[in-house]
Amino acid sequence: MTEQTTSPSRAESRYLETIAQLGGDRHTVAAAAVARALDLSAPTVHEMLRRLARDGYIERAAQRGWQLTAAGRHEAAAMRRRRSVVERFLRTQTTIPAEEIADEADHLLAAISPKLEQHLRLASWTGERPCDTSPVAVSDRIRTQTPRSSAGRRPSAAR
């Protein structure tokens, strides 16, 4: 196993999120369960699991299966937060039917940047509870009004 140095790809993040959903943060998950959950072939899943292990996100468990490492748990939690933000935005700011929200979120998750994620977080914040940790500065969220130009005004009389 090597130390991971880059963020996981979107596909890797999807696997990490699935492993976390199936086994929690510390339980083992069989490759077959991951394949069923993602509706993918066993060879495809095994190849990705080997890559995730090589990158330090998962490790083989003593009792058959795979489990997330600390880095994998961190990335899976980040993916769950992103999904939560996107799904909340879709529920509160669009007319997409509830039964389609998860699928639409999957499509968006493959395309949004961390910056857009922050904007979605702010756009769907209702104020009912503290906004999810947002590094966006307050001054960036408030549009400042530019001062009116003096054009069109009568010049003041000189004394």
N, C-alpha and C. Protein backbone atom coordinates (compact mmCIF):
# COMPACT_ATOMS: atom_id res chain seq x y z
N MET A 1 0.84 -1.17 0.00
CA MET A 1 0.00 0.00 0.00
C MET A 1 0.89 1.23 0.00
N THR A 2 0.54 2.21 -0.82
CA THR A 2 1.31 3.44 -0.88
C THR A 2 0.52 4.57 -0.25
N GLU A 3 1.23 5.60 0.12
CA GLU A 3 0.58 6.78 0.70
C GLU A 3 -0.12 7.54 -0.42
N GLN A 4 -1.40 7.88 -0.22
CA GLN A 4 -2.11 8.60 -1.26
C GLN A 4 -1.66 10.05 -1.27
N THR A 5 -1.47 10.58 -2.49
CA THR A 5 -0.97 11.94 -2.63
C THR A 5 -1.95 12.84 -3.37
N THR A 6 -2.91 12.28 -4.05
CA THR A 6 -3.87 13.09 -4.79
C THR A 6 -5.28 12.72 -4.35
N SER A 7 -6.21 13.58 -4.68
CA SER A 7 -7.61 13.29 -4.38
C SER A 7 -8.09 12.17 -5.28
N PRO A 8 -9.05 11.39 -4.81
CA PRO A 8 -9.57 10.31 -5.65
C PRO A 8 -10.36 10.88 -6.83
N SER A 9 -10.40 10.11 -7.90
CA SER A 9 -11.21 10.50 -9.06
C SER A 9 -12.68 10.40 -8.68
N ARG A 10 -13.55 10.88 -9.56
CA ARG A 10 -14.99 10.79 -9.31
C ARG A 10 -15.41 9.33 -9.17
N ALA A 11 -14.88 8.47 -10.03
CA ALA A 11 -15.23 7.05 -9.97
C ALA A 11 -14.75 6.43 -8.65
N GLU A 12 -13.53 6.77 -8.26
CA GLU A 12 -13.00 6.25 -6.99
C GLU A 12 -13.84 6.75 -5.82
N SER A 13 -14.24 8.01 -5.87
CA SER A 13 -15.09 8.57 -4.80
C SER A 13 -16.41 7.83 -4.71
N ARG A 14 -16.96 7.47 -5.86
CA ARG A 14 -18.22 6.72 -5.89
C ARG A 14 -18.06 5.36 -5.20
N TYR A 15 -16.95 4.69 -5.47
CA TYR A 15 -16.68 3.41 -4.81
C TYR A 15 -16.52 3.60 -3.31
N LEU A 16 -15.76 4.62 -2.91
CA LEU A 16 -15.54 4.86 -1.48
C LEU A 16 -16.85 5.15 -0.77
N GLU A 17 -17.71 5.95 -1.41
CA GLU A 17 -19.02 6.25 -0.82
C GLU A 17 -19.84 4.96 -0.69
N THR A 18 -19.80 4.13 -1.70
CA THR A 18 -20.55 2.87 -1.68
C THR A 18 -20.02 1.93 -0.59
N ILE A 19 -18.71 1.82 -0.48
CA ILE A 19 -18.12 0.97 0.55
C ILE A 19 -18.54 1.47 1.93
N ALA A 20 -18.52 2.78 2.13
CA ALA A 20 -18.93 3.35 3.42
C ALA A 20 -20.40 3.08 3.69
N GLN A 21 -21.25 3.17 2.66
CA GLN A 21 -22.68 2.90 2.85
C GLN A 21 -22.92 1.44 3.20
N LEU A 22 -22.20 0.55 2.56
CA LEU A 22 -22.41 -0.88 2.78
C LEU A 22 -21.83 -1.37 4.10
N GLY A 23 -20.69 -0.83 4.49
CA GLY A 23 -20.02 -1.36 5.67
C GLY A 23 -19.80 -0.37 6.78
N GLY A 24 -20.36 0.79 6.64
CA GLY A 24 -20.06 1.80 7.63
C GLY A 24 -18.61 2.20 7.49
N ASP A 25 -18.11 2.92 8.43
CA ASP A 25 -16.73 3.38 8.32
C ASP A 25 -15.70 2.33 8.71
N ARG A 26 -16.11 1.28 9.43
CA ARG A 26 -15.10 0.35 9.94
C ARG A 26 -15.39 -1.13 9.66
N HIS A 27 -16.50 -1.45 9.03
CA HIS A 27 -16.82 -2.85 8.76
C HIS A 27 -16.32 -3.26 7.39
N THR A 28 -16.11 -4.56 7.23
CA THR A 28 -15.63 -5.07 5.95
C THR A 28 -16.78 -5.22 4.97
N VAL A 29 -16.42 -5.11 3.70
CA VAL A 29 -17.39 -5.21 2.62
C VAL A 29 -16.82 -6.15 1.56
N ALA A 30 -17.62 -7.09 1.12
CA ALA A 30 -17.20 -8.01 0.07
C ALA A 30 -17.25 -7.32 -1.29
N ALA A 31 -16.32 -7.69 -2.15
CA ALA A 31 -16.29 -7.12 -3.50
C ALA A 31 -17.60 -7.39 -4.23
N ALA A 32 -18.19 -8.56 -4.01
CA ALA A 32 -19.46 -8.90 -4.66
C ALA A 32 -20.57 -7.93 -4.25
N ALA A 33 -20.56 -7.50 -3.00
CA ALA A 33 -21.58 -6.54 -2.53
C ALA A 33 -21.40 -5.19 -3.22
N VAL A 34 -20.15 -4.79 -3.40
CA VAL A 34 -19.88 -3.53 -4.11
C VAL A 34 -20.34 -3.64 -5.56
N ALA A 35 -20.04 -4.77 -6.19
CA ALA A 35 -20.45 -4.99 -7.58
C ALA A 35 -21.97 -4.92 -7.72
N ARG A 36 -22.69 -5.55 -6.79
CA ARG A 36 -24.16 -5.50 -6.84
C ARG A 36 -24.68 -4.08 -6.63
N ALA A 37 -24.12 -3.39 -5.66
CA ALA A 37 -24.59 -2.04 -5.34
C ALA A 37 -24.37 -1.07 -6.50
N LEU A 38 -23.26 -1.24 -7.21
CA LEU A 38 -22.95 -0.34 -8.32
C LEU A 38 -23.41 -0.89 -9.66
N ASP A 39 -23.95 -2.10 -9.65
CA ASP A 39 -24.42 -2.76 -10.87
C ASP A 39 -23.28 -2.86 -11.90
N LEU A 40 -22.14 -3.36 -11.42
CA LEU A 40 -20.96 -3.52 -12.27
C LEU A 40 -20.48 -4.96 -12.20
N SER A 41 -19.66 -5.34 -13.17
CA SER A 41 -19.13 -6.70 -13.19
C SER A 41 -18.06 -6.87 -12.10
N ALA A 42 -17.90 -8.11 -11.66
CA ALA A 42 -16.91 -8.42 -10.63
C ALA A 42 -15.49 -8.03 -11.06
N PRO A 43 -15.06 -8.34 -12.30
CA PRO A 43 -13.70 -7.95 -12.69
C PRO A 43 -13.48 -6.43 -12.66
N THR A 44 -14.48 -5.68 -13.06
CA THR A 44 -14.37 -4.21 -13.02
C THR A 44 -14.19 -3.73 -11.60
N VAL A 45 -14.99 -4.28 -10.69
CA VAL A 45 -14.92 -3.88 -9.29
C VAL A 45 -13.59 -4.29 -8.67
N HIS A 46 -13.13 -5.51 -8.95
CA HIS A 46 -11.85 -5.97 -8.40
C HIS A 46 -10.70 -5.07 -8.85
N GLU A 47 -10.73 -4.66 -10.11
CA GLU A 47 -9.68 -3.77 -10.62
C GLU A 47 -9.67 -2.45 -9.85
N MET A 48 -10.85 -1.88 -9.64
CA MET A 48 -10.92 -0.61 -8.91
C MET A 48 -10.52 -0.79 -7.45
N LEU A 49 -10.93 -1.89 -6.83
CA LEU A 49 -10.56 -2.13 -5.43
C LEU A 49 -9.04 -2.24 -5.29
N ARG A 50 -8.39 -2.89 -6.24
CA ARG A 50 -6.93 -2.98 -6.20
C ARG A 50 -6.30 -1.58 -6.33
N ARG A 51 -6.88 -0.75 -7.19
CA ARG A 51 -6.37 0.61 -7.36
C ARG A 51 -6.56 1.43 -6.08
N LEU A 52 -7.74 1.30 -5.47
CA LEU A 52 -8.02 2.02 -4.21
C LEU A 52 -7.07 1.56 -3.10
N ALA A 53 -6.78 0.26 -3.07
CA ALA A 53 -5.84 -0.26 -2.07
C ALA A 53 -4.43 0.27 -2.34
N ARG A 54 -4.03 0.26 -3.59
CA ARG A 54 -2.71 0.77 -3.96
C ARG A 54 -2.56 2.25 -3.56
N ASP A 55 -3.66 3.01 -3.70
CA ASP A 55 -3.62 4.45 -3.38
C ASP A 55 -3.84 4.75 -1.90
N GLY A 56 -4.07 3.69 -1.10
CA GLY A 56 -4.17 3.87 0.34
C GLY A 56 -5.55 4.23 0.88
N TYR A 57 -6.60 4.05 0.08
CA TYR A 57 -7.96 4.38 0.52
C TYR A 57 -8.68 3.21 1.19
N ILE A 58 -8.32 1.99 0.80
CA ILE A 58 -8.92 0.80 1.40
C ILE A 58 -7.82 -0.21 1.67
N GLU A 59 -8.15 -1.23 2.46
CA GLU A 59 -7.20 -2.31 2.71
C GLU A 59 -7.97 -3.61 2.85
N ARG A 60 -7.27 -4.70 2.55
CA ARG A 60 -7.89 -6.02 2.72
C ARG A 60 -8.07 -6.26 4.20
N ALA A 61 -9.24 -6.75 4.54
CA ALA A 61 -9.53 -7.05 5.95
C ALA A 61 -9.09 -8.47 6.27
N ALA A 62 -8.80 -8.71 7.52
CA ALA A 62 -8.38 -10.04 7.96
C ALA A 62 -9.47 -11.07 7.67
N GLN A 63 -10.74 -10.69 7.87
CA GLN A 63 -11.85 -11.61 7.62
C GLN A 63 -12.51 -11.27 6.28
N ARG A 64 -11.88 -11.65 5.20
CA ARG A 64 -12.40 -11.51 3.85
C ARG A 64 -13.15 -10.20 3.61
N GLY A 65 -12.75 -9.53 2.61
CA GLY A 65 -13.40 -8.29 2.25
C GLY A 65 -12.45 -7.11 2.32
N TRP A 66 -13.02 -5.94 2.22
CA TRP A 66 -12.26 -4.70 2.19
C TRP A 66 -12.82 -3.75 3.23
N GLN A 67 -11.95 -2.88 3.72
CA GLN A 67 -12.43 -1.84 4.62
C GLN A 67 -11.69 -0.54 4.32
N LEU A 68 -12.32 0.55 4.68
CA LEU A 68 -11.74 1.87 4.44
C LEU A 68 -10.59 2.13 5.40
N THR A 69 -9.57 2.79 4.90
CA THR A 69 -8.49 3.29 5.76
C THR A 69 -8.93 4.66 6.28
N ALA A 70 -8.10 5.29 7.08
CA ALA A 70 -8.42 6.64 7.56
C ALA A 70 -8.61 7.59 6.38
N ALA A 71 -7.73 7.49 5.38
CA ALA A 71 -7.86 8.34 4.19
C ALA A 71 -9.15 8.03 3.44
N GLY A 72 -9.50 6.76 3.34
CA GLY A 72 -10.74 6.37 2.67
C GLY A 72 -11.96 6.86 3.42
N ARG A 73 -11.93 6.78 4.75
CA ARG A 73 -13.05 7.29 5.55
C ARG A 73 -13.21 8.79 5.36
N HIS A 74 -12.09 9.50 5.31
CA HIS A 74 -12.12 10.95 5.10
C HIS A 74 -12.76 11.28 3.75
N GLU A 75 -12.32 10.60 2.70
CA GLU A 75 -12.86 10.87 1.36
C GLU A 75 -14.33 10.47 1.25
N ALA A 76 -14.70 9.35 1.86
CA ALA A 76 -16.10 8.91 1.83
C ALA A 76 -16.98 9.92 2.55
N ALA A 77 -16.52 10.44 3.67
CA ALA A 77 -17.29 11.45 4.41
C ALA A 77 -17.43 12.72 3.59
N ALA A 78 -16.37 13.11 2.89
CA ALA A 78 -16.43 14.30 2.04
C ALA A 78 -17.45 14.09 0.92
N MET A 79 -17.48 12.90 0.36
CA MET A 79 -18.44 12.60 -0.71
C MET A 79 -19.86 12.62 -0.17
N ARG A 80 -20.07 12.09 1.03
CA ARG A 80 -21.42 12.13 1.63
C ARG A 80 -21.86 13.56 1.86
N ARG A 81 -20.93 14.42 2.31
CA ARG A 81 -21.28 15.84 2.51
C ARG A 81 -21.65 16.49 1.19
N ARG A 82 -20.87 16.21 0.15
CA ARG A 82 -21.17 16.79 -1.17
C ARG A 82 -22.53 16.32 -1.66
N ARG A 83 -22.80 15.03 -1.50
CA ARG A 83 -24.09 14.49 -1.94
C ARG A 83 -25.22 15.18 -1.17
N SER A 84 -25.04 15.35 0.11
CA SER A 84 -26.05 16.00 0.94
C SER A 84 -26.33 17.42 0.44
N VAL A 85 -25.28 18.16 0.13
CA VAL A 85 -25.43 19.53 -0.37
C VAL A 85 -26.19 19.53 -1.69
N VAL A 86 -25.79 18.67 -2.61
CA VAL A 86 -26.43 18.64 -3.93
C VAL A 86 -27.88 18.21 -3.81
N GLU A 87 -28.15 17.16 -3.04
CA GLU A 87 -29.53 16.71 -2.90
C GLU A 87 -30.40 17.76 -2.21
N ARG A 88 -29.86 18.43 -1.21
CA ARG A 88 -30.62 19.48 -0.53
C ARG A 88 -30.93 20.62 -1.50
N PHE A 89 -29.94 20.99 -2.30
CA PHE A 89 -30.16 22.04 -3.29
C PHE A 89 -31.26 21.63 -4.27
N LEU A 90 -31.18 20.41 -4.78
CA LEU A 90 -32.18 19.94 -5.75
C LEU A 90 -33.58 19.89 -5.13
N ARG A 91 -33.66 19.48 -3.86
CA ARG A 91 -34.97 19.42 -3.19
C ARG A 91 -35.56 20.80 -2.95
N THR A 92 -34.72 21.75 -2.57
CA THR A 92 -35.24 23.05 -2.15
C THR A 92 -35.29 24.09 -3.26
N GLN A 93 -34.51 23.92 -4.31
CA GLN A 93 -34.41 24.97 -5.31
C GLN A 93 -34.91 24.56 -6.70
N THR A 94 -35.37 23.33 -6.85
CA THR A 94 -35.86 22.89 -8.15
C THR A 94 -37.21 22.20 -7.98
N THR A 95 -37.81 21.88 -9.09
CA THR A 95 -39.09 21.16 -9.05
C THR A 95 -38.91 19.70 -9.46
N ILE A 96 -37.70 19.20 -9.34
CA ILE A 96 -37.43 17.80 -9.69
C ILE A 96 -38.18 16.91 -8.71
N PRO A 97 -38.91 15.91 -9.21
CA PRO A 97 -39.64 15.00 -8.32
C PRO A 97 -38.70 14.30 -7.34
N ALA A 98 -39.18 14.09 -6.14
CA ALA A 98 -38.37 13.50 -5.06
C ALA A 98 -37.73 12.18 -5.47
N GLU A 99 -38.46 11.36 -6.22
CA GLU A 99 -37.92 10.05 -6.59
C GLU A 99 -36.78 10.15 -7.62
N GLU A 100 -36.56 11.32 -8.20
CA GLU A 100 -35.49 11.49 -9.19
C GLU A 100 -34.28 12.23 -8.62
N ILE A 101 -34.39 12.72 -7.40
CA ILE A 101 -33.32 13.54 -6.81
C ILE A 101 -31.99 12.79 -6.75
N ALA A 102 -31.98 11.55 -6.27
CA ALA A 102 -30.72 10.81 -6.12
C ALA A 102 -30.03 10.61 -7.46
N ASP A 103 -30.79 10.25 -8.50
CA ASP A 103 -30.18 10.07 -9.82
C ASP A 103 -29.61 11.37 -10.36
N GLU A 104 -30.35 12.45 -10.20
CA GLU A 104 -29.87 13.75 -10.67
C GLU A 104 -28.64 14.18 -9.89
N ALA A 105 -28.62 13.89 -8.60
CA ALA A 105 -27.45 14.22 -7.78
C ALA A 105 -26.23 13.46 -8.28
N ASP A 106 -26.41 12.19 -8.67
CA ASP A 106 -25.29 11.41 -9.21
C ASP A 106 -24.68 12.10 -10.42
N HIS A 107 -25.53 12.60 -11.31
CA HIS A 107 -25.04 13.29 -12.50
C HIS A 107 -24.29 14.57 -12.13
N LEU A 108 -24.84 15.33 -11.22
CA LEU A 108 -24.19 16.58 -10.81
C LEU A 108 -22.89 16.34 -10.06
N LEU A 109 -22.86 15.33 -9.23
CA LEU A 109 -21.65 15.05 -8.45
C LEU A 109 -20.45 14.79 -9.34
N ALA A 110 -20.70 14.29 -10.52
CA ALA A 110 -19.60 14.01 -11.45
C ALA A 110 -19.05 15.28 -12.08
N ALA A 111 -19.75 16.41 -11.88
CA ALA A 111 -19.35 17.61 -12.60
C ALA A 111 -19.05 18.84 -11.73
N ILE A 112 -19.46 18.85 -10.48
CA ILE A 112 -19.30 20.09 -9.72
C ILE A 112 -17.92 20.22 -9.08
N SER A 113 -17.46 21.43 -9.04
CA SER A 113 -16.18 21.74 -8.41
C SER A 113 -16.42 22.07 -6.94
N PRO A 114 -15.37 22.07 -6.14
CA PRO A 114 -15.54 22.47 -4.73
C PRO A 114 -16.12 23.89 -4.60
N LYS A 115 -15.73 24.79 -5.50
CA LYS A 115 -16.26 26.16 -5.45
C LYS A 115 -17.77 26.16 -5.69
N LEU A 116 -18.22 25.41 -6.71
CA LEU A 116 -19.65 25.34 -6.98
C LEU A 116 -20.38 24.67 -5.82
N GLU A 117 -19.75 23.67 -5.22
CA GLU A 117 -20.35 23.02 -4.05
C GLU A 117 -20.64 24.05 -2.96
N GLN A 118 -19.71 24.95 -2.72
CA GLN A 118 -19.92 25.98 -1.70
C GLN A 118 -21.08 26.89 -2.07
N HIS A 119 -21.19 27.25 -3.34
CA HIS A 119 -22.30 28.09 -3.78
C HIS A 119 -23.64 27.37 -3.63
N LEU A 120 -23.66 26.09 -3.94
CA LEU A 120 -24.89 25.30 -3.76
C LEU A 120 -25.26 25.22 -2.29
N ARG A 121 -24.25 25.05 -1.45
CA ARG A 121 -24.47 24.98 -0.01
C ARG A 121 -25.14 26.27 0.47
N LEU A 122 -24.61 27.39 0.04
CA LEU A 122 -25.16 28.69 0.45
C LEU A 122 -26.54 28.93 -0.15
N ALA A 123 -26.73 28.53 -1.40
CA ALA A 123 -28.01 28.77 -2.07
C ALA A 123 -29.15 27.98 -1.44
N SER A 124 -28.85 26.83 -0.87
CA SER A 124 -29.91 26.00 -0.30
C SER A 124 -30.00 26.12 1.21
N TRP A 125 -29.21 26.99 1.81
CA TRP A 125 -29.25 27.17 3.26
C TRP A 125 -30.49 27.94 3.63
N THR A 126 -31.29 27.39 4.52
CA THR A 126 -32.56 28.01 4.90
C THR A 126 -32.44 28.89 6.13
N GLY A 127 -31.35 28.80 6.82
CA GLY A 127 -31.17 29.60 8.03
C GLY A 127 -31.74 28.94 9.27
N GLU A 128 -32.36 27.77 9.11
CA GLU A 128 -32.97 27.08 10.25
C GLU A 128 -31.93 26.53 11.21
N ARG A 129 -30.78 26.20 10.71
CA ARG A 129 -29.69 25.69 11.53
C ARG A 129 -28.41 26.22 10.93
N PRO A 130 -27.30 26.12 11.62
CA PRO A 130 -26.05 26.67 11.08
C PRO A 130 -25.74 26.08 9.71
N CYS A 131 -25.27 26.92 8.85
CA CYS A 131 -24.88 26.49 7.51
C CYS A 131 -23.70 25.53 7.63
N ASP A 132 -23.67 24.51 6.79
CA ASP A 132 -22.54 23.59 6.79
C ASP A 132 -21.26 24.40 6.59
N THR A 133 -20.21 23.99 7.26
CA THR A 133 -18.97 24.76 7.27
C THR A 133 -18.64 25.30 5.90
N SER A 134 -18.64 26.59 5.79
CA SER A 134 -18.41 27.23 4.51
C SER A 134 -17.20 28.14 4.58
N PRO A 135 -16.16 27.84 3.79
CA PRO A 135 -15.00 28.71 3.80
C PRO A 135 -15.18 29.98 2.98
N VAL A 136 -16.34 30.13 2.34
CA VAL A 136 -16.59 31.32 1.55
C VAL A 136 -16.77 32.50 2.50
N ALA A 137 -15.99 33.55 2.29
CA ALA A 137 -16.06 34.71 3.17
C ALA A 137 -17.39 35.43 3.01
N VAL A 138 -17.86 36.03 4.09
CA VAL A 138 -19.12 36.76 4.05
C VAL A 138 -19.08 37.83 2.97
N SER A 139 -17.95 38.51 2.84
CA SER A 139 -17.85 39.56 1.83
C SER A 139 -18.02 39.02 0.42
N ASP A 140 -17.70 37.74 0.20
CA ASP A 140 -17.89 37.13 -1.11
C ASP A 140 -19.35 36.79 -1.36
N ARG A 141 -20.14 36.65 -0.30
CA ARG A 141 -21.54 36.28 -0.46
C ARG A 141 -22.44 37.49 -0.63
N ILE A 142 -21.97 38.65 -0.23
CA ILE A 142 -22.79 39.85 -0.29
C ILE A 142 -22.37 40.66 -1.49
N ARG A 143 -23.32 40.95 -2.35
CA ARG A 143 -23.00 41.79 -3.50
C ARG A 143 -22.89 43.22 -3.03
N THR A 144 -21.78 43.81 -3.34
CA THR A 144 -21.63 45.21 -2.94
C THR A 144 -22.17 46.08 -4.05
N GLN A 145 -22.80 47.16 -3.65
CA GLN A 145 -23.38 48.08 -4.62
C GLN A 145 -22.31 49.07 -5.01
N THR A 146 -22.13 49.26 -6.30
CA THR A 146 -21.13 50.23 -6.74
C THR A 146 -21.71 51.62 -6.57
N PRO A 147 -20.90 52.58 -6.15
CA PRO A 147 -21.42 53.92 -5.96
C PRO A 147 -21.87 54.51 -7.28
N ARG A 148 -22.93 55.31 -7.20
CA ARG A 148 -23.41 55.96 -8.42
C ARG A 148 -22.36 56.93 -8.91
N SER A 149 -22.27 57.02 -10.21
CA SER A 149 -21.31 57.98 -10.76
C SER A 149 -21.89 59.38 -10.62
N SER A 150 -21.05 60.35 -10.65
CA SER A 150 -21.51 61.72 -10.51
C SER A 150 -22.02 62.27 -11.83
N ALA A 151 -21.97 61.47 -12.89
CA ALA A 151 -22.49 61.93 -14.18
C ALA A 151 -23.97 62.21 -14.06
N GLY A 152 -24.39 63.28 -14.63
CA GLY A 152 -25.81 63.63 -14.60
C GLY A 152 -26.16 64.50 -13.42
N ARG A 153 -25.26 64.65 -12.48
CA ARG A 153 -25.52 65.53 -11.34
C ARG A 153 -25.03 66.93 -11.68
N ARG A 154 -25.71 67.88 -11.08
CA ARG A 154 -25.26 69.25 -11.25
C ARG A 154 -24.04 69.48 -10.38
N PRO A 155 -23.01 70.08 -10.95
CA PRO A 155 -21.85 70.36 -10.10
C PRO A 155 -22.23 71.36 -9.02
N SER A 156 -21.64 71.19 -7.86
CA SER A 156 -21.95 72.12 -6.78
C SER A 156 -21.34 73.48 -7.09
N ALA A 157 -22.02 74.49 -6.65
CA ALA A 157 -21.56 75.86 -6.95
C ALA A 157 -20.29 76.16 -6.19
N ALA A 158 -19.36 76.77 -6.87
CA ALA A 158 -18.10 77.14 -6.23
C ALA A 158 -18.30 78.40 -5.43
N ARG A 159 -17.67 78.51 -4.30
CA ARG A 159 -17.82 79.71 -3.47
C ARG A 159 -16.70 80.63 -3.69
